[in-house]
Amino acid sequence: MDAIPTRDKIKIGSSVSIVQKQDQGSGKLTEGIVKRILTSSSFHPHGIKVELASGKIGRVQKLS
């Protein structure tokens, strides 16, 4: 698996794949456009938490 992107790689408007809280067990990814970056630290072991334009919230697993 690729490395989890750090906060400096994630920009507002980026196309990303996130894992939502309820999907952490299955690892199901949801794609979308970043609206807000919610994690203030530069790195998080499970991924930087973002809100997508769709309103979904999750941790970035990869950049699309």
C-alpha atoms as a PDB file:
ATOM      1  CA  MET A   1       0.000   0.000   0.000  1.00  0.00           C
ATOM      2  CA  ASP A   2       1.174   3.533  -0.753  1.00  0.00           C
ATOM      3  CA  ALA A   3       2.199   5.873   2.034  1.00  0.00           C
ATOM      4  CA  ILE A   4      -0.609   7.958   3.520  1.00  0.00           C
ATOM      5  CA  PRO A   5      -0.333  11.506   2.105  1.00  0.00           C
ATOM      6  CA  THR A   6       0.932  14.186   4.520  1.00  0.00           C
ATOM      7  CA  ARG A   7      -1.011  17.417   5.059  1.00  0.00           C
ATOM      8  CA  ASP A   8       1.259  19.457   2.763  1.00  0.00           C
ATOM      9  CA  LYS A   9       0.320  17.187  -0.185  1.00  0.00           C
ATOM     10  CA  ILE A  10      -3.432  17.748   0.312  1.00  0.00           C
ATOM     11  CA  LYS A  11      -4.913  20.960  -1.075  1.00  0.00           C
ATOM     12  CA  ILE A  12      -8.428  22.394  -1.118  1.00  0.00           C
ATOM     13  CA  GLY A  13      -9.902  21.250  -4.427  1.00  0.00           C
ATOM     14  CA  SER A  14      -7.698  18.126  -4.611  1.00  0.00           C
ATOM     15  CA  SER A  15      -9.300  14.891  -5.761  1.00  0.00           C
ATOM     16  CA  VAL A  16      -8.730  12.289  -3.031  1.00  0.00           C
ATOM     17  CA  SER A  17      -9.876   8.918  -1.734  1.00  0.00           C
ATOM     18  CA  ILE A  18     -10.954   8.855   1.912  1.00  0.00           C
ATOM     19  CA  VAL A  19     -12.032   6.178   4.338  1.00  0.00           C
ATOM     20  CA  GLN A  20     -15.043   7.215   6.399  1.00  0.00           C
ATOM     21  CA  LYS A  21     -15.363   6.254  10.081  1.00  0.00           C
ATOM     22  CA  GLN A  22     -17.995   3.572   9.379  1.00  0.00           C
ATOM     23  CA  ASP A  23     -15.821   2.104   6.593  1.00  0.00           C
ATOM     24  CA  GLN A  24     -12.594   1.762   8.599  1.00  0.00           C
ATOM     25  CA  GLY A  25     -13.238  -1.941   9.203  1.00  0.00           C
ATOM     26  CA  SER A  26     -13.817  -2.758   5.535  1.00  0.00           C
ATOM     27  CA  GLY A  27     -11.335  -0.211   4.170  1.00  0.00           C
ATOM     28  CA  LYS A  28     -13.914   0.971   1.600  1.00  0.00           C
ATOM     29  CA  LEU A  29     -12.745   4.180  -0.076  1.00  0.00           C
ATOM     30  CA  THR A  30     -14.905   7.155  -1.042  1.00  0.00           C
ATOM     31  CA  GLU A  31     -13.680   9.556  -3.726  1.00  0.00           C
ATOM     32  CA  GLY A  32     -14.300  13.263  -3.725  1.00  0.00           C
ATOM     33  CA  ILE A  33     -12.966  16.814  -3.799  1.00  0.00           C
ATOM     34  CA  VAL A  34     -11.456  18.331  -0.636  1.00  0.00           C
ATOM     35  CA  LYS A  35     -13.521  21.203   0.750  1.00  0.00           C
ATOM     36  CA  ARG A  36     -11.828  21.608   4.149  1.00  0.00           C
ATOM     37  CA  ILE A  37      -8.793  20.107   5.874  1.00  0.00           C
ATOM     38  CA  LEU A  38      -9.739  19.230   9.457  1.00  0.00           C
ATOM     39  CA  THR A  39      -6.444  17.863  10.834  1.00  0.00           C
ATOM     40  CA  SER A  40      -4.072  20.617  11.925  1.00  0.00           C
ATOM     41  CA  SER A  41      -0.955  18.449  12.344  1.00  0.00           C
ATOM     42  CA  SER A  42       1.228  17.704   9.314  1.00  0.00           C
ATOM     43  CA  PHE A  43       0.814  13.935   9.659  1.00  0.00           C
ATOM     44  CA  HIS A  44      -1.603  11.432  11.145  1.00  0.00           C
ATOM     45  CA  PRO A  45      -0.947   7.662  11.087  1.00  0.00           C
ATOM     46  CA  HIS A  46      -4.474   6.920   9.798  1.00  0.00           C
ATOM     47  CA  GLY A  47      -4.563   9.847   7.365  1.00  0.00           C
ATOM     48  CA  ILE A  48      -5.342  13.553   7.412  1.00  0.00           C
ATOM     49  CA  LYS A  49      -9.031  14.150   8.171  1.00  0.00           C
ATOM     50  CA  VAL A  50     -10.866  16.189   5.525  1.00  0.00           C
ATOM     51  CA  GLU A  51     -14.377  17.206   4.578  1.00  0.00           C
ATOM     52  CA  LEU A  52     -15.315  16.576   0.957  1.00  0.00           C
ATOM     53  CA  ALA A  53     -17.451  18.869  -1.195  1.00  0.00           C
ATOM     54  CA  SER A  54     -20.222  16.270  -0.732  1.00  0.00           C
ATOM     55  CA  GLY A  55     -20.135  16.845   3.047  1.00  0.00           C
ATOM     56  CA  LYS A  56     -18.614  13.432   3.784  1.00  0.00           C
ATOM     57  CA  ILE A  57     -15.800  13.372   6.338  1.00  0.00           C
ATOM     58  CA  GLY A  58     -12.964  10.886   6.442  1.00  0.00           C
ATOM     59  CA  ARG A  59      -9.226  10.332   6.427  1.00  0.00           C
ATOM     60  CA  VAL A  60      -7.263  10.683   3.189  1.00  0.00           C
ATOM     61  CA  GLN A  61      -5.776   7.358   2.077  1.00  0.00           C
ATOM     62  CA  LYS A  62      -4.524   8.484  -1.324  1.00  0.00           C
ATOM     63  CA  LEU A  63      -4.593  11.308  -3.824  1.00  0.00           C
ATOM     64  CA  SER A  64      -6.599  10.493  -6.953  1.00  0.00           C
END
